[in-house]
């Protein structure tokens, strides 16, 4: 990485800001859809699961292994990437447990179905927030390293952040009878802001103190968290709340869209 100018730093923040706006726009757009029925919810949850699975296995884990292999030998790379992938999977369970503790006082206010929808929506927000944070790190650092390579990366992030935001919006739209729309918008802002927060963290901490090994570990951990959210929360509820065939097709379609986005980032 050559000499970094204030212009480069400013543009790095601009890039992450644009990506954050994409997530927020997707969320706000879908918040104002008219009623969300079970069939639509099944499609949206499956689509989000497909995006998460493809991102985890075809983007984050290959990135993690590539980064770690540049610093460690083959065995260490396999061991560390596998270990932190499963740490990410296990991490979902304490997150869900903490959410349940926090909502016990309100448990009697909602039906079982509504409590389930609220639980899924909050976990999805946390997962997408973590994803946004890592993307903010990656976008900022990649722009400082090679601006022309970072631009297609940012474009691909913008394209797939919009449906991620829509997932947040649709889920909160589904439970809007028990949650004020303004609160739902605040949740989407929360998830969006972690993109620039990731960039700020990269500026103040990563540039000075981080190592490639830590970056690889972070990507492997996030990959496990995305897979756990898709398999444990999104896919089961997509199939039990709607048509199983629609669920499977939307999962495949989500993977196809994410694959096209990542492929487009390579060629354009």
C-alpha atoms as a PDB file:
ATOM      1  CA  UNK A   1       0.000   0.000   0.000  1.00  0.00           C
ATOM      2  CA  UNK A   2       1.576   3.256  -1.125  1.00  0.00           C
ATOM      3  CA  UNK A   3       1.266   6.699   0.377  1.00  0.00           C
ATOM      4  CA  UNK A   4      -2.284   7.338   1.522  1.00  0.00           C
ATOM      5  CA  UNK A   5      -3.657  10.822   0.920  1.00  0.00           C
ATOM      6  CA  UNK A   6      -6.554  12.565   2.671  1.00  0.00           C
ATOM      7  CA  UNK A   7      -8.473  12.314  -0.622  1.00  0.00           C
ATOM      8  CA  UNK A   8      -8.057   8.516  -0.628  1.00  0.00           C
ATOM      9  CA  UNK A   9      -9.309   8.322   2.958  1.00  0.00           C
ATOM     10  CA  UNK A  10     -12.270  10.563   2.172  1.00  0.00           C
ATOM     11  CA  UNK A  11     -13.232   8.500  -0.872  1.00  0.00           C
ATOM     12  CA  UNK A  12     -12.963   5.311   1.190  1.00  0.00           C
ATOM     13  CA  UNK A  13     -15.531   6.717   3.606  1.00  0.00           C
ATOM     14  CA  UNK A  14     -17.739   7.855   0.715  1.00  0.00           C
ATOM     15  CA  UNK A  15     -17.720   4.333  -0.762  1.00  0.00           C
ATOM     16  CA  UNK A  16     -18.802   2.736   2.515  1.00  0.00           C
ATOM     17  CA  UNK A  17     -21.447   5.431   2.992  1.00  0.00           C
ATOM     18  CA  UNK A  18     -22.966   4.632  -0.404  1.00  0.00           C
ATOM     19  CA  UNK A  19     -23.100   0.932   0.474  1.00  0.00           C
ATOM     20  CA  UNK A  20     -24.807   1.777   3.794  1.00  0.00           C
ATOM     21  CA  UNK A  21     -27.451   3.868   2.026  1.00  0.00           C
ATOM     22  CA  UNK A  22     -28.221   0.878  -0.192  1.00  0.00           C
ATOM     23  CA  UNK A  23     -29.082  -1.291   2.834  1.00  0.00           C
ATOM     24  CA  UNK A  24     -31.254   1.433   4.353  1.00  0.00           C
ATOM     25  CA  UNK A  25     -33.038   2.123   1.047  1.00  0.00           C
ATOM     26  CA  UNK A  26     -33.920  -1.554   0.638  1.00  0.00           C
ATOM     27  CA  UNK A  27     -35.304  -1.683   4.184  1.00  0.00           C
ATOM     28  CA  UNK A  28     -37.380   1.485   3.935  1.00  0.00           C
ATOM     29  CA  UNK A  29     -38.760   0.520   0.511  1.00  0.00           C
ATOM     30  CA  UNK A  30     -40.076  -2.806   1.765  1.00  0.00           C
ATOM     31  CA  UNK A  31     -41.431  -1.341   5.008  1.00  0.00           C
ATOM     32  CA  UNK A  32     -44.167   0.330   3.002  1.00  0.00           C
ATOM     33  CA  UNK A  33     -45.272  -2.718   1.061  1.00  0.00           C
ATOM     34  CA  UNK A  34     -48.890  -3.570   1.715  1.00  0.00           C
ATOM     35  CA  UNK A  35     -49.622  -6.693   3.731  1.00  0.00           C
ATOM     36  CA  UNK A  36     -46.978  -9.435   3.742  1.00  0.00           C
ATOM     37  CA  UNK A  37     -48.633 -12.861   3.552  1.00  0.00           C
ATOM     38  CA  UNK A  38     -47.054 -16.181   4.507  1.00  0.00           C
ATOM     39  CA  UNK A  39     -46.273 -17.070   0.895  1.00  0.00           C
ATOM     40  CA  UNK A  40     -44.360 -13.821   0.377  1.00  0.00           C
ATOM     41  CA  UNK A  41     -42.570 -14.240   3.693  1.00  0.00           C
ATOM     42  CA  UNK A  42     -41.534 -17.755   2.675  1.00  0.00           C
ATOM     43  CA  UNK A  43     -40.064 -16.383  -0.553  1.00  0.00           C
ATOM     44  CA  UNK A  44     -38.210 -13.528   1.186  1.00  0.00           C
ATOM     45  CA  UNK A  45     -36.744 -15.738   3.922  1.00  0.00           C
ATOM     46  CA  UNK A  46     -35.581 -18.312   1.353  1.00  0.00           C
ATOM     47  CA  UNK A  47     -34.067 -15.606  -0.841  1.00  0.00           C
ATOM     48  CA  UNK A  48     -32.179 -14.141   2.129  1.00  0.00           C
ATOM     49  CA  UNK A  49     -30.955 -17.625   3.102  1.00  0.00           C
ATOM     50  CA  UNK A  50     -29.652 -18.213  -0.434  1.00  0.00           C
ATOM     51  CA  UNK A  51     -27.750 -14.921  -0.368  1.00  0.00           C
ATOM     52  CA  UNK A  52     -26.230 -15.723   3.032  1.00  0.00           C
ATOM     53  CA  UNK A  53     -25.211 -19.276   2.104  1.00  0.00           C
ATOM     54  CA  UNK A  54     -23.625 -18.300  -1.203  1.00  0.00           C
ATOM     55  CA  UNK A  55     -21.828 -15.335   0.364  1.00  0.00           C
ATOM     56  CA  UNK A  56     -20.475 -17.532   3.150  1.00  0.00           C
ATOM     57  CA  UNK A  57     -19.237 -20.423   1.021  1.00  0.00           C
ATOM     58  CA  UNK A  58     -18.248 -18.650  -2.208  1.00  0.00           C
ATOM     59  CA  UNK A  59     -16.987 -15.302  -0.918  1.00  0.00           C
ATOM     60  CA  UNK A  60     -16.121 -15.128   2.779  1.00  0.00           C
ATOM     61  CA  UNK A  61     -14.562 -18.573   3.297  1.00  0.00           C
ATOM     62  CA  UNK A  62     -12.471 -18.474   0.084  1.00  0.00           C
ATOM     63  CA  UNK A  63     -11.309 -14.979   1.099  1.00  0.00           C
ATOM     64  CA  UNK A  64     -10.462 -16.203   4.604  1.00  0.00           C
ATOM     65  CA  UNK A  65      -8.509 -19.202   3.298  1.00  0.00           C
ATOM     66  CA  UNK A  66      -6.699 -17.054   0.716  1.00  0.00           C
ATOM     67  CA  UNK A  67      -5.644 -14.491   3.328  1.00  0.00           C
ATOM     68  CA  UNK A  68      -4.591 -17.092   5.897  1.00  0.00           C
ATOM     69  CA  UNK A  69      -2.673 -19.176   3.343  1.00  0.00           C
ATOM     70  CA  UNK A  70      -0.523 -16.143   2.513  1.00  0.00           C
ATOM     71  CA  UNK A  71       0.642 -16.061   6.141  1.00  0.00           C
ATOM     72  CA  UNK A  72       0.416 -19.666   7.366  1.00  0.00           C
ATOM     73  CA  UNK A  73       1.186 -23.136   6.070  1.00  0.00           C
ATOM     74  CA  UNK A  74      -1.491 -25.414   4.599  1.00  0.00           C
ATOM     75  CA  UNK A  75      -2.352 -27.287   7.815  1.00  0.00           C
ATOM     76  CA  UNK A  76      -2.559 -24.150   9.950  1.00  0.00           C
ATOM     77  CA  UNK A  77      -4.748 -22.456   7.330  1.00  0.00           C
ATOM     78  CA  UNK A  78      -7.196 -25.368   7.250  1.00  0.00           C
ATOM     79  CA  UNK A  79      -7.247 -25.692  11.040  1.00  0.00           C
ATOM     80  CA  UNK A  80      -7.800 -22.001  11.802  1.00  0.00           C
ATOM     81  CA  UNK A  81     -10.353 -21.365   9.036  1.00  0.00           C
ATOM     82  CA  UNK A  82     -12.379 -24.456  10.029  1.00  0.00           C
ATOM     83  CA  UNK A  83     -12.180 -23.683  13.743  1.00  0.00           C
ATOM     84  CA  UNK A  84     -13.381 -20.088  13.396  1.00  0.00           C
ATOM     85  CA  UNK A  85     -16.091 -21.070  10.913  1.00  0.00           C
ATOM     86  CA  UNK A  86     -17.643 -23.297  13.579  1.00  0.00           C
ATOM     87  CA  UNK A  87     -17.090 -20.661  16.264  1.00  0.00           C
ATOM     88  CA  UNK A  88     -19.297 -18.422  14.107  1.00  0.00           C
ATOM     89  CA  UNK A  89     -21.951 -21.152  13.916  1.00  0.00           C
ATOM     90  CA  UNK A  90     -21.897 -21.719  17.677  1.00  0.00           C
ATOM     91  CA  UNK A  91     -22.029 -17.956  18.302  1.00  0.00           C
ATOM     92  CA  UNK A  92     -25.600 -17.789  16.983  1.00  0.00           C
ATOM     93  CA  UNK A  93     -26.951 -19.793  19.926  1.00  0.00           C
ATOM     94  CA  UNK A  94     -25.859 -17.430  22.742  1.00  0.00           C
ATOM     95  CA  UNK A  95     -27.130 -14.532  20.632  1.00  0.00           C
ATOM     96  CA  UNK A  96     -30.544 -16.176  20.395  1.00  0.00           C
ATOM     97  CA  UNK A  97     -30.459 -16.977  24.111  1.00  0.00           C
ATOM     98  CA  UNK A  98     -29.683 -13.369  25.036  1.00  0.00           C
ATOM     99  CA  UNK A  99     -32.528 -12.163  22.822  1.00  0.00           C
ATOM    100  CA  UNK A 100     -34.940 -14.514  24.574  1.00  0.00           C
ATOM    101  CA  UNK A 101     -33.846 -13.268  28.013  1.00  0.00           C
ATOM    102  CA  UNK A 102     -34.338  -9.666  26.932  1.00  0.00           C
ATOM    103  CA  UNK A 103     -37.868 -10.374  25.683  1.00  0.00           C
ATOM    104  CA  UNK A 104     -39.180 -12.537  28.525  1.00  0.00           C
ATOM    105  CA  UNK A 105     -40.869  -9.560  30.185  1.00  0.00           C
ATOM    106  CA  UNK A 106     -42.915  -8.943  27.021  1.00  0.00           C
ATOM    107  CA  UNK A 107     -43.630 -12.587  26.281  1.00  0.00           C
ATOM    108  CA  UNK A 108     -47.286 -12.397  27.290  1.00  0.00           C
ATOM    109  CA  UNK A 109     -47.963  -9.402  25.045  1.00  0.00           C
ATOM    110  CA  UNK A 110     -47.664 -11.331  21.788  1.00  0.00           C
ATOM    111  CA  UNK A 111     -48.841 -14.575  20.265  1.00  0.00           C
ATOM    112  CA  UNK A 112     -46.403 -17.447  19.762  1.00  0.00           C
ATOM    113  CA  UNK A 113     -46.294 -16.723  16.019  1.00  0.00           C
ATOM    114  CA  UNK A 114     -45.537 -13.034  16.562  1.00  0.00           C
ATOM    115  CA  UNK A 115     -42.822 -13.801  19.131  1.00  0.00           C
ATOM    116  CA  UNK A 116     -41.243 -16.159  16.605  1.00  0.00           C
ATOM    117  CA  UNK A 117     -41.343 -13.511  13.861  1.00  0.00           C
ATOM    118  CA  UNK A 118     -39.801 -10.903  16.183  1.00  0.00           C
ATOM    119  CA  UNK A 119     -37.048 -13.326  17.202  1.00  0.00           C
ATOM    120  CA  UNK A 120     -36.129 -14.099  13.577  1.00  0.00           C
ATOM    121  CA  UNK A 121     -36.235 -10.421  12.587  1.00  0.00           C
ATOM    122  CA  UNK A 122     -33.873  -9.395  15.399  1.00  0.00           C
ATOM    123  CA  UNK A 123     -31.404 -12.194  14.660  1.00  0.00           C
ATOM    124  CA  UNK A 124     -31.395 -11.253  10.967  1.00  0.00           C
ATOM    125  CA  UNK A 125     -30.687  -7.621  11.882  1.00  0.00           C
ATOM    126  CA  UNK A 126     -27.748  -8.687  14.082  1.00  0.00           C
ATOM    127  CA  UNK A 127     -26.339 -10.975  11.383  1.00  0.00           C
ATOM    128  CA  UNK A 128     -26.652  -8.369   8.629  1.00  0.00           C
ATOM    129  CA  UNK A 129     -25.149  -5.780  10.990  1.00  0.00           C
ATOM    130  CA  UNK A 130     -22.095  -7.998  11.518  1.00  0.00           C
ATOM    131  CA  UNK A 131     -21.895  -8.529   7.765  1.00  0.00           C
ATOM    132  CA  UNK A 132     -22.104  -4.768   7.146  1.00  0.00           C
ATOM    133  CA  UNK A 133     -19.295  -4.139   9.637  1.00  0.00           C
ATOM    134  CA  UNK A 134     -16.925  -6.569   7.898  1.00  0.00           C
ATOM    135  CA  UNK A 135     -17.911  -5.172   4.487  1.00  0.00           C
ATOM    136  CA  UNK A 136     -17.109  -1.676   5.742  1.00  0.00           C
ATOM    137  CA  UNK A 137     -13.658  -2.861   6.766  1.00  0.00           C
ATOM    138  CA  UNK A 138     -13.070  -4.607   3.439  1.00  0.00           C
ATOM    139  CA  UNK A 139     -14.370  -1.739   1.297  1.00  0.00           C
ATOM    140  CA  UNK A 140     -12.324   0.925   3.054  1.00  0.00           C
ATOM    141  CA  UNK A 141      -9.074  -1.047   3.067  1.00  0.00           C
ATOM    142  CA  UNK A 142      -9.461  -2.300  -0.516  1.00  0.00           C
ATOM    143  CA  UNK A 143     -10.069   1.242  -1.777  1.00  0.00           C
ATOM    144  CA  UNK A 144      -6.931   2.502  -0.056  1.00  0.00           C
ATOM    145  CA  UNK A 145      -4.933  -0.386  -1.512  1.00  0.00           C
ATOM    146  CA  UNK A 146      -6.239  -0.421  -5.104  1.00  0.00           C
ATOM    147  CA  UNK A 147      -9.053   2.065  -5.861  1.00  0.00           C
ATOM    148  CA  UNK A 148      -9.933   0.651  -9.299  1.00  0.00           C
ATOM    149  CA  UNK A 149     -10.278  -2.845  -7.897  1.00  0.00           C
ATOM    150  CA  UNK A 150     -12.409  -1.564  -5.017  1.00  0.00           C
ATOM    151  CA  UNK A 151     -15.002   0.119  -7.261  1.00  0.00           C
ATOM    152  CA  UNK A 152     -16.507  -3.135  -8.651  1.00  0.00           C
ATOM    153  CA  UNK A 153     -16.365  -4.528  -5.094  1.00  0.00           C
ATOM    154  CA  UNK A 154     -18.439  -1.583  -3.874  1.00  0.00           C
ATOM    155  CA  UNK A 155     -20.893  -1.967  -6.771  1.00  0.00           C
ATOM    156  CA  UNK A 156     -21.432  -5.626  -5.900  1.00  0.00           C
ATOM    157  CA  UNK A 157     -21.915  -4.703  -2.225  1.00  0.00           C
ATOM    158  CA  UNK A 158     -24.501  -2.065  -3.175  1.00  0.00           C
ATOM    159  CA  UNK A 159     -26.420  -4.559  -5.312  1.00  0.00           C
ATOM    160  CA  UNK A 160     -26.619  -7.251  -2.649  1.00  0.00           C
ATOM    161  CA  UNK A 161     -27.097  -4.816   0.256  1.00  0.00           C
ATOM    162  CA  UNK A 162     -30.427  -3.708  -1.216  1.00  0.00           C
ATOM    163  CA  UNK A 163     -32.094  -7.163  -0.924  1.00  0.00           C
ATOM    164  CA  UNK A 164     -30.503  -7.585   2.526  1.00  0.00           C
ATOM    165  CA  UNK A 165     -32.173  -4.329   3.516  1.00  0.00           C
ATOM    166  CA  UNK A 166     -35.435  -5.503   1.971  1.00  0.00           C
ATOM    167  CA  UNK A 167     -35.254  -8.629   4.122  1.00  0.00           C
ATOM    168  CA  UNK A 168     -35.071  -6.463   7.249  1.00  0.00           C
ATOM    169  CA  UNK A 169     -37.960  -4.312   6.028  1.00  0.00           C
ATOM    170  CA  UNK A 170     -40.217  -7.232   5.076  1.00  0.00           C
ATOM    171  CA  UNK A 171     -39.651  -8.997   8.383  1.00  0.00           C
ATOM    172  CA  UNK A 172     -40.514  -5.908  10.396  1.00  0.00           C
ATOM    173  CA  UNK A 173     -43.426  -5.167   8.097  1.00  0.00           C
ATOM    174  CA  UNK A 174     -44.751  -8.629   8.969  1.00  0.00           C
ATOM    175  CA  UNK A 175     -44.694  -7.790  12.685  1.00  0.00           C
ATOM    176  CA  UNK A 176     -45.704  -4.136  12.287  1.00  0.00           C
ATOM    177  CA  UNK A 177     -48.899  -4.661  14.277  1.00  0.00           C
ATOM    178  CA  UNK A 178     -46.779  -5.187  17.385  1.00  0.00           C
ATOM    179  CA  UNK A 179     -43.995  -2.757  16.516  1.00  0.00           C
ATOM    180  CA  UNK A 180     -44.060   0.908  15.556  1.00  0.00           C
ATOM    181  CA  UNK A 181     -42.818   1.571  12.003  1.00  0.00           C
ATOM    182  CA  UNK A 182     -40.447   4.243  13.342  1.00  0.00           C
ATOM    183  CA  UNK A 183     -38.779   1.618  15.507  1.00  0.00           C
ATOM    184  CA  UNK A 184     -38.422  -0.667  12.481  1.00  0.00           C
ATOM    185  CA  UNK A 185     -36.731   2.164  10.559  1.00  0.00           C
ATOM    186  CA  UNK A 186     -34.357   2.695  13.491  1.00  0.00           C
ATOM    187  CA  UNK A 187     -33.384  -0.973  13.292  1.00  0.00           C
ATOM    188  CA  UNK A 188     -32.602  -0.624   9.581  1.00  0.00           C
ATOM    189  CA  UNK A 189     -30.525   2.512  10.273  1.00  0.00           C
ATOM    190  CA  UNK A 190     -28.677   0.555  12.961  1.00  0.00           C
ATOM    191  CA  UNK A 191     -27.771  -2.202  10.500  1.00  0.00           C
ATOM    192  CA  UNK A 192     -26.796   0.314   7.795  1.00  0.00           C
ATOM    193  CA  UNK A 193     -24.545   2.427  10.018  1.00  0.00           C
ATOM    194  CA  UNK A 194     -22.213  -0.452  10.736  1.00  0.00           C
ATOM    195  CA  UNK A 195     -20.853  -0.196   7.192  1.00  0.00           C
ATOM    196  CA  UNK A 196     -19.236   3.229   7.852  1.00  0.00           C
ATOM    197  CA  UNK A 197     -18.480   2.177  11.441  1.00  0.00           C
ATOM    198  CA  UNK A 198     -16.431  -0.650   9.930  1.00  0.00           C
ATOM    199  CA  UNK A 199     -14.579   1.922   7.825  1.00  0.00           C
ATOM    200  CA  UNK A 200     -13.898   4.119  10.865  1.00  0.00           C
ATOM    201  CA  UNK A 201     -12.603   1.063  12.750  1.00  0.00           C
ATOM    202  CA  UNK A 202     -10.341   0.260   9.804  1.00  0.00           C
ATOM    203  CA  UNK A 203      -9.014   3.824   9.830  1.00  0.00           C
ATOM    204  CA  UNK A 204      -8.264   4.073  13.558  1.00  0.00           C
ATOM    205  CA  UNK A 205      -7.350   0.485  14.365  1.00  0.00           C
ATOM    206  CA  UNK A 206      -6.931  -1.931  11.476  1.00  0.00           C
ATOM    207  CA  UNK A 207      -4.436   0.187   9.502  1.00  0.00           C
ATOM    208  CA  UNK A 208      -2.130   0.365  12.525  1.00  0.00           C
ATOM    209  CA  UNK A 209      -2.604  -2.801  14.523  1.00  0.00           C
ATOM    210  CA  UNK A 210      -4.392  -5.504  12.567  1.00  0.00           C
ATOM    211  CA  UNK A 211      -2.786  -8.461  10.829  1.00  0.00           C
ATOM    212  CA  UNK A 212      -3.860 -10.492   7.779  1.00  0.00           C
ATOM    213  CA  UNK A 213      -4.421 -13.481  10.071  1.00  0.00           C
ATOM    214  CA  UNK A 214      -6.961 -11.506  12.135  1.00  0.00           C
ATOM    215  CA  UNK A 215      -8.750 -10.438   8.945  1.00  0.00           C
ATOM    216  CA  UNK A 216      -8.929 -14.062   7.783  1.00  0.00           C
ATOM    217  CA  UNK A 217     -10.270 -15.184  11.159  1.00  0.00           C
ATOM    218  CA  UNK A 218     -12.929 -12.466  11.093  1.00  0.00           C
ATOM    219  CA  UNK A 219     -14.136 -13.537   7.648  1.00  0.00           C
ATOM    220  CA  UNK A 220     -14.258 -17.229   8.637  1.00  0.00           C
ATOM    221  CA  UNK A 221     -16.205 -16.395  11.808  1.00  0.00           C
ATOM    222  CA  UNK A 222     -18.706 -14.258   9.906  1.00  0.00           C
ATOM    223  CA  UNK A 223     -19.105 -17.031   7.334  1.00  0.00           C
ATOM    224  CA  UNK A 224     -20.148 -19.442  10.096  1.00  0.00           C
ATOM    225  CA  UNK A 225     -22.575 -16.883  11.527  1.00  0.00           C
ATOM    226  CA  UNK A 226     -24.261 -16.397   8.139  1.00  0.00           C
ATOM    227  CA  UNK A 227     -24.576 -20.151   7.586  1.00  0.00           C
ATOM    228  CA  UNK A 228     -26.010 -20.694  11.080  1.00  0.00           C
ATOM    229  CA  UNK A 229     -28.581 -17.924  10.596  1.00  0.00           C
ATOM    230  CA  UNK A 230     -29.646 -19.338   7.221  1.00  0.00           C
ATOM    231  CA  UNK A 231     -29.870 -22.981   8.345  1.00  0.00           C
ATOM    232  CA  UNK A 232     -31.180 -22.491  11.865  1.00  0.00           C
ATOM    233  CA  UNK A 233     -33.586 -19.587  11.401  1.00  0.00           C
ATOM    234  CA  UNK A 234     -34.385 -18.570   7.817  1.00  0.00           C
ATOM    235  CA  UNK A 235     -34.803 -21.875   5.976  1.00  0.00           C
ATOM    236  CA  UNK A 236     -36.886 -23.710   8.636  1.00  0.00           C
ATOM    237  CA  UNK A 237     -39.286 -20.781   9.014  1.00  0.00           C
ATOM    238  CA  UNK A 238     -39.396 -20.243   5.272  1.00  0.00           C
ATOM    239  CA  UNK A 239     -40.590 -23.815   4.773  1.00  0.00           C
ATOM    240  CA  UNK A 240     -42.976 -24.088   7.717  1.00  0.00           C
ATOM    241  CA  UNK A 241     -44.670 -20.725   7.063  1.00  0.00           C
ATOM    242  CA  UNK A 242     -45.166 -21.184   3.352  1.00  0.00           C
ATOM    243  CA  UNK A 243     -44.846 -23.498   0.369  1.00  0.00           C
ATOM    244  CA  UNK A 244     -41.731 -25.723   0.542  1.00  0.00           C
ATOM    245  CA  UNK A 245     -41.279 -25.608  -3.234  1.00  0.00           C
ATOM    246  CA  UNK A 246     -41.315 -21.792  -3.227  1.00  0.00           C
ATOM    247  CA  UNK A 247     -38.828 -21.810  -0.359  1.00  0.00           C
ATOM    248  CA  UNK A 248     -36.349 -24.070  -2.186  1.00  0.00           C
ATOM    249  CA  UNK A 249     -36.706 -22.121  -5.434  1.00  0.00           C
ATOM    250  CA  UNK A 250     -36.152 -18.807  -3.656  1.00  0.00           C
ATOM    251  CA  UNK A 251     -33.032 -20.178  -1.925  1.00  0.00           C
ATOM    252  CA  UNK A 252     -31.600 -21.192  -5.302  1.00  0.00           C
ATOM    253  CA  UNK A 253     -32.623 -17.844  -6.811  1.00  0.00           C
ATOM    254  CA  UNK A 254     -30.891 -16.001  -3.944  1.00  0.00           C
ATOM    255  CA  UNK A 255     -27.708 -17.991  -4.637  1.00  0.00           C
ATOM    256  CA  UNK A 256     -28.015 -17.293  -8.363  1.00  0.00           C
ATOM    257  CA  UNK A 257     -28.385 -13.542  -7.820  1.00  0.00           C
ATOM    258  CA  UNK A 258     -25.459 -13.440  -5.388  1.00  0.00           C
ATOM    259  CA  UNK A 259     -23.347 -15.497  -7.796  1.00  0.00           C
ATOM    260  CA  UNK A 260     -24.148 -13.119 -10.648  1.00  0.00           C
ATOM    261  CA  UNK A 261     -23.275 -10.112  -8.463  1.00  0.00           C
ATOM    262  CA  UNK A 262     -19.921 -11.556  -7.416  1.00  0.00           C
ATOM    263  CA  UNK A 263     -19.159 -12.666 -10.965  1.00  0.00           C
ATOM    264  CA  UNK A 264     -20.044  -9.225 -12.276  1.00  0.00           C
ATOM    265  CA  UNK A 265     -17.614  -7.712  -9.780  1.00  0.00           C
ATOM    266  CA  UNK A 266     -14.836  -9.758 -11.358  1.00  0.00           C
ATOM    267  CA  UNK A 267     -15.507  -8.818 -14.993  1.00  0.00           C
ATOM    268  CA  UNK A 268     -16.813  -5.255 -14.766  1.00  0.00           C
END
